Protein backbone atom coordinates (compact mmCIF):
# COMPACT_ATOMS: atom_id res chain seq x y z
CA MET A 1 6.27 -5.16 -11.06
CA PHE A 2 5.92 -2.66 -8.93
CA ILE A 3 7.88 0.05 -10.22
CA GLU A 4 5.06 0.11 -13.30
CA LYS A 5 2.66 0.79 -10.95
CA LEU A 6 4.10 4.15 -10.58
CA CYS A 7 3.53 7.53 -12.36
CA LYS A 8 6.25 10.73 -12.59
CA GLU A 9 4.34 12.02 -9.57
CA ASP A 10 5.97 9.17 -7.87
CA PHE A 11 9.89 9.59 -8.82
CA LYS A 12 8.94 13.33 -8.25
CA ASN A 13 8.06 12.67 -4.23
CA PHE A 14 10.86 9.96 -3.76
CA SER A 15 13.84 12.76 -5.16
CA THR A 16 12.23 15.35 -2.93
CA THR A 17 10.81 13.24 0.23
CA LYS A 18 13.77 10.85 0.47
CA LEU A 19 16.83 12.64 -1.40
CA ASN A 20 16.07 16.01 -0.49
CA LEU A 21 16.88 17.05 -4.19
CA ASP A 22 14.63 17.74 -7.06
CA LEU A 23 14.60 15.93 -10.20
CA ALA A 24 15.66 17.13 -13.42
CA ASP A 25 14.93 14.54 -15.89
CA ILE A 26 13.21 11.20 -16.16
CA LYS A 27 12.22 8.61 -18.79
CA ASN A 28 11.35 5.14 -19.23
CA VAL A 29 14.58 3.20 -20.18
CA ASP A 30 14.83 -0.48 -21.33
CA GLY A 31 14.69 -2.39 -17.76
CA GLY A 32 13.73 0.59 -15.50
CA VAL A 33 13.67 4.37 -15.00
CA TYR A 34 16.09 6.61 -15.47
CA ILE A 35 16.38 9.75 -13.39
CA ARG A 36 18.74 12.84 -13.19
CA ILE A 37 19.03 14.23 -10.16
CA LEU A 38 19.52 18.44 -10.38
CA LEU A 39 22.27 19.53 -7.91
CA ASP A 40 22.54 23.64 -7.42
CA ASN A 41 25.89 23.76 -7.68
CA PHE A 42 28.01 23.29 -11.17
CA GLY A 43 29.36 19.34 -11.66
CA PRO A 44 28.42 16.25 -13.42
CA SER A 45 24.35 15.59 -11.84
CA PRO A 46 23.51 11.87 -10.53
CA GLU A 47 22.04 9.77 -12.82
CA PHE A 48 20.62 6.52 -11.91
CA VAL A 49 18.36 3.92 -13.27
CA LEU A 50 15.56 2.65 -10.89
CA GLN A 51 13.87 -1.00 -11.03
CA ASP A 52 12.07 -2.65 -8.64
CA PHE A 53 14.77 -4.19 -6.13
CA VAL A 54 17.94 -2.11 -7.36
CA CYS A 55 19.72 0.93 -7.93
CA LYS A 56 22.44 1.68 -10.85
CA GLY A 57 24.21 5.02 -10.55
CA ILE A 58 25.57 5.72 -14.21
CA ASN A 59 27.61 8.34 -16.16
CA ASN A 60 29.75 9.73 -13.91
CA PRO A 61 31.92 8.80 -10.13
CA ILE A 62 29.09 10.51 -8.55
CA SER A 63 26.44 8.46 -9.38
CA GLN A 64 28.34 5.27 -8.54
CA LYS A 65 29.82 6.45 -5.56
CA ASN A 66 25.61 6.83 -3.98
CA GLU A 67 24.30 4.00 -5.66
CA LEU A 68 24.08 2.08 -2.43
CA ASN A 69 22.95 4.93 -0.19
CA VAL A 70 20.40 5.78 -3.36
CA GLN A 71 19.27 2.07 -3.55
CA LYS A 72 18.50 2.28 0.22
CA TYR A 73 16.48 4.99 -0.06
CA TRP A 74 14.42 3.76 -3.30
CA ARG A 75 13.73 0.58 -1.30
CA GLU A 76 12.34 2.44 1.47
CA PHE A 77 10.08 4.33 -0.28
CA LEU A 78 8.63 1.19 -2.02
CA GLY A 79 8.74 -0.34 1.15
CA GLU A 80 6.16 2.51 2.55
CA LYS A 81 4.49 2.58 -1.13
CA PHE A 82 3.28 -1.16 -1.11
CA GLY A 83 3.52 -2.22 2.08
CA ALA A 84 4.30 -5.91 2.94
CA GLU A 85 3.87 -7.31 -0.61
CA TYR A 86 7.02 -4.98 -1.51
CA LYS A 87 8.89 -6.02 1.27
CA THR A 88 8.13 -9.84 1.04
CA ALA A 89 9.03 -9.57 -2.76
CA CYS A 90 12.46 -7.41 -2.24
CA ASN A 91 13.17 -10.06 0.82
CA ASP A 92 13.03 -13.13 -1.73
CA PHE A 93 15.24 -10.79 -5.02
CA LEU A 94 17.70 -10.27 -2.25
CA ARG A 95 17.69 -13.97 -0.94
CA LYS A 96 18.05 -15.49 -4.62
CA GLN A 97 21.03 -12.96 -4.79
CA TYR A 98 22.84 -14.19 -1.93
CA GLU A 99 22.31 -17.86 -2.63
CA ASP A 100 23.72 -16.92 -6.11
CA ASN A 101 26.33 -15.71 -4.00
CA LEU A 102 25.77 -12.36 -5.85
CA LEU A 103 25.56 -10.80 -2.27
CA LYS A 104 28.32 -11.17 0.59
């Protein structure tokens, strides 16, 4: 829907402008786009699968701990890129999640 309209540069732009970090890896995966964030220090790099309205932290506790924060920035980034169309679709998605008791 929205994520398919993005190019590799958009993901790099998201990472540098919203997270203040560089991307180490990016690739299409089933249901989204996988990104791995480059950290200056040693340890596991945060890894996420980005979708239109959701960000899933994968493969390590650092990713899972930061999942909601990155998701917030991701939605903000897409809202800035696609405007009212994205915001309306995201609100509809969240409303449906709430109605299905998936959000509390």
